[in-house]
Amino acid sequence: MEQEEIRPNKVKRFIKETFRVLRITKKPNQEEYRSLVKVTAIGIAIVGVIGFVIFLFKELLFV
């Protein structure tokens, strides 16, 4: 019974905090957006290269 009373309070608090975060966020300007895209692309490329190197070593060592 006690847990049923706690759950709606958690949901209400989560919704309240979500709206608070959405209120204080702002749309990035063009410079911020470009730097974010660059960093994301570099991260994806690094993960891809690491994955390819691991795959290549696996194929060469366990033929």
N, C-alpha and C. Protein backbone atom coordinates (compact mmCIF):
# COMPACT_ATOMS: atom_id res chain seq x y z
N MET A 1 0.82 -1.19 0.00
CA MET A 1 0.00 0.00 0.00
C MET A 1 0.87 1.26 0.00
N GLU A 2 1.95 1.20 0.76
CA GLU A 2 2.81 2.37 0.87
C GLU A 2 3.52 2.66 -0.45
N GLN A 3 3.91 1.61 -1.16
CA GLN A 3 4.60 1.79 -2.44
C GLN A 3 3.69 2.41 -3.49
N GLU A 4 2.41 2.12 -3.45
CA GLU A 4 1.47 2.71 -4.40
C GLU A 4 1.37 4.22 -4.21
N GLU A 5 1.55 4.68 -2.98
CA GLU A 5 1.47 6.11 -2.70
C GLU A 5 2.76 6.82 -3.13
N ILE A 6 3.88 6.14 -3.09
CA ILE A 6 5.17 6.75 -3.43
C ILE A 6 5.31 6.90 -4.94
N ARG A 7 4.84 5.96 -5.70
CA ARG A 7 5.02 5.97 -7.15
C ARG A 7 4.43 7.22 -7.83
N PRO A 8 3.20 7.65 -7.54
CA PRO A 8 2.69 8.87 -8.18
C PRO A 8 3.53 10.10 -7.83
N ASN A 9 4.07 10.16 -6.63
CA ASN A 9 4.92 11.28 -6.26
C ASN A 9 6.20 11.31 -7.09
N LYS A 10 6.77 10.15 -7.36
CA LYS A 10 7.97 10.08 -8.19
C LYS A 10 7.67 10.52 -9.62
N VAL A 11 6.54 10.09 -10.13
CA VAL A 11 6.16 10.46 -11.50
C VAL A 11 5.92 11.97 -11.58
N LYS A 12 5.22 12.52 -10.62
CA LYS A 12 4.96 13.97 -10.62
C LYS A 12 6.27 14.75 -10.52
N ARG A 13 7.18 14.28 -9.66
CA ARG A 13 8.46 14.98 -9.51
C ARG A 13 9.27 14.89 -10.80
N PHE A 14 9.27 13.71 -11.44
CA PHE A 14 10.00 13.56 -12.70
C PHE A 14 9.45 14.50 -13.77
N ILE A 15 8.13 14.57 -13.89
CA ILE A 15 7.53 15.46 -14.90
C ILE A 15 7.87 16.91 -14.59
N LYS A 16 7.83 17.30 -13.33
CA LYS A 16 8.15 18.67 -12.93
C LYS A 16 9.61 19.01 -13.26
N GLU A 17 10.52 18.10 -12.96
CA GLU A 17 11.93 18.33 -13.26
C GLU A 17 12.20 18.36 -14.76
N THR A 18 11.48 17.53 -15.51
CA THR A 18 11.65 17.52 -16.96
C THR A 18 11.24 18.85 -17.56
N PHE A 19 10.10 19.39 -17.14
CA PHE A 19 9.67 20.70 -17.64
C PHE A 19 10.64 21.80 -17.22
N ARG A 20 11.22 21.70 -16.02
CA ARG A 20 12.19 22.70 -15.57
C ARG A 20 13.42 22.69 -16.47
N VAL A 21 13.91 21.51 -16.80
CA VAL A 21 15.08 21.40 -17.68
C VAL A 21 14.76 21.96 -19.06
N LEU A 22 13.59 21.63 -19.59
CA LEU A 22 13.21 22.14 -20.91
C LEU A 22 13.08 23.66 -20.91
N ARG A 23 12.66 24.24 -19.80
CA ARG A 23 12.52 25.69 -19.72
C ARG A 23 13.88 26.41 -19.74
N ILE A 24 14.89 25.81 -19.11
CA ILE A 24 16.17 26.51 -19.00
C ILE A 24 17.13 26.21 -20.16
N THR A 25 16.80 25.22 -20.98
CA THR A 25 17.68 24.93 -22.11
C THR A 25 17.46 25.94 -23.24
N LYS A 26 18.48 26.07 -24.08
CA LYS A 26 18.37 26.99 -25.21
C LYS A 26 18.83 26.30 -26.48
N LYS A 27 18.40 26.82 -27.58
CA LYS A 27 18.79 26.28 -28.87
C LYS A 27 20.23 26.72 -29.15
N PRO A 28 21.10 25.80 -29.57
CA PRO A 28 22.49 26.19 -29.84
C PRO A 28 22.59 27.07 -31.09
N ASN A 29 23.56 27.99 -31.05
CA ASN A 29 23.76 28.80 -32.25
C ASN A 29 24.56 27.98 -33.27
N GLN A 30 24.79 28.56 -34.42
CA GLN A 30 25.42 27.81 -35.51
C GLN A 30 26.82 27.33 -35.14
N GLU A 31 27.59 28.16 -34.46
CA GLU A 31 28.96 27.78 -34.09
C GLU A 31 28.95 26.61 -33.09
N GLU A 32 28.09 26.67 -32.10
CA GLU A 32 27.98 25.57 -31.13
C GLU A 32 27.54 24.29 -31.83
N TYR A 33 26.61 24.41 -32.74
CA TYR A 33 26.10 23.24 -33.45
C TYR A 33 27.20 22.60 -34.30
N ARG A 34 27.97 23.41 -35.00
CA ARG A 34 29.05 22.87 -35.84
C ARG A 34 30.11 22.18 -34.99
N SER A 35 30.48 22.77 -33.85
CA SER A 35 31.48 22.13 -33.01
C SER A 35 30.94 20.83 -32.42
N LEU A 36 29.67 20.78 -32.08
CA LEU A 36 29.06 19.56 -31.58
C LEU A 36 29.07 18.47 -32.65
N VAL A 37 28.76 18.84 -33.88
CA VAL A 37 28.77 17.87 -34.98
C VAL A 37 30.19 17.36 -35.22
N LYS A 38 31.18 18.25 -35.17
CA LYS A 38 32.57 17.83 -35.37
C LYS A 38 33.02 16.85 -34.30
N VAL A 39 32.73 17.16 -33.04
CA VAL A 39 33.15 16.29 -31.95
C VAL A 39 32.46 14.93 -32.06
N THR A 40 31.19 14.94 -32.40
CA THR A 40 30.45 13.68 -32.55
C THR A 40 31.02 12.86 -33.70
N ALA A 41 31.31 13.50 -34.83
CA ALA A 41 31.87 12.78 -35.98
C ALA A 41 33.24 12.21 -35.65
N ILE A 42 34.06 12.96 -34.95
CA ILE A 42 35.38 12.46 -34.57
C ILE A 42 35.24 11.26 -33.64
N GLY A 43 34.32 11.33 -32.70
CA GLY A 43 34.10 10.20 -31.79
C GLY A 43 33.63 8.96 -32.52
N ILE A 44 32.71 9.12 -33.44
CA ILE A 44 32.22 7.98 -34.23
C ILE A 44 33.35 7.39 -35.07
N ALA A 45 34.18 8.25 -35.66
CA ALA A 45 35.29 7.77 -36.48
C ALA A 45 36.30 7.01 -35.63
N ILE A 46 36.60 7.51 -34.44
CA ILE A 46 37.56 6.82 -33.56
C ILE A 46 37.04 5.45 -33.17
N VAL A 47 35.77 5.37 -32.78
CA VAL A 47 35.20 4.08 -32.41
C VAL A 47 35.21 3.13 -33.61
N GLY A 48 34.92 3.63 -34.80
CA GLY A 48 34.95 2.81 -36.00
C GLY A 48 36.33 2.29 -36.32
N VAL A 49 37.33 3.15 -36.20
CA VAL A 49 38.71 2.73 -36.48
C VAL A 49 39.16 1.68 -35.47
N ILE A 50 38.84 1.89 -34.19
CA ILE A 50 39.22 0.90 -33.17
C ILE A 50 38.54 -0.44 -33.47
N GLY A 51 37.28 -0.41 -33.82
CA GLY A 51 36.57 -1.64 -34.16
C GLY A 51 37.17 -2.33 -35.36
N PHE A 52 37.54 -1.56 -36.37
CA PHE A 52 38.14 -2.13 -37.57
C PHE A 52 39.51 -2.75 -37.27
N VAL A 53 40.30 -2.07 -36.45
CA VAL A 53 41.62 -2.60 -36.09
C VAL A 53 41.48 -3.91 -35.32
N ILE A 54 40.54 -3.96 -34.39
CA ILE A 54 40.31 -5.19 -33.63
C ILE A 54 39.87 -6.32 -34.57
N PHE A 55 38.96 -6.00 -35.48
CA PHE A 55 38.50 -7.00 -36.46
C PHE A 55 39.65 -7.47 -37.32
N LEU A 56 40.50 -6.55 -37.77
CA LEU A 56 41.62 -6.89 -38.63
C LEU A 56 42.61 -7.80 -37.91
N PHE A 57 42.94 -7.49 -36.65
CA PHE A 57 43.84 -8.34 -35.88
C PHE A 57 43.24 -9.71 -35.66
N LYS A 58 41.95 -9.77 -35.39
CA LYS A 58 41.29 -11.06 -35.18
C LYS A 58 41.37 -11.90 -36.45
N GLU A 59 41.13 -11.29 -37.61
CA GLU A 59 41.16 -12.02 -38.86
C GLU A 59 42.58 -12.48 -39.20
N LEU A 60 43.57 -11.64 -38.92
CA LEU A 60 44.95 -12.00 -39.24
C LEU A 60 45.51 -13.07 -38.30
N LEU A 61 45.13 -13.02 -37.03
CA LEU A 61 45.68 -13.95 -36.06
C LEU A 61 44.97 -15.29 -36.06
N PHE A 62 43.69 -15.32 -36.37
CA PHE A 62 42.93 -16.57 -36.24
C PHE A 62 42.43 -17.08 -37.58
N VAL A 63 43.29 -17.04 -38.58
CA VAL A 63 42.90 -17.52 -39.91
C VAL A 63 42.88 -19.00 -39.98
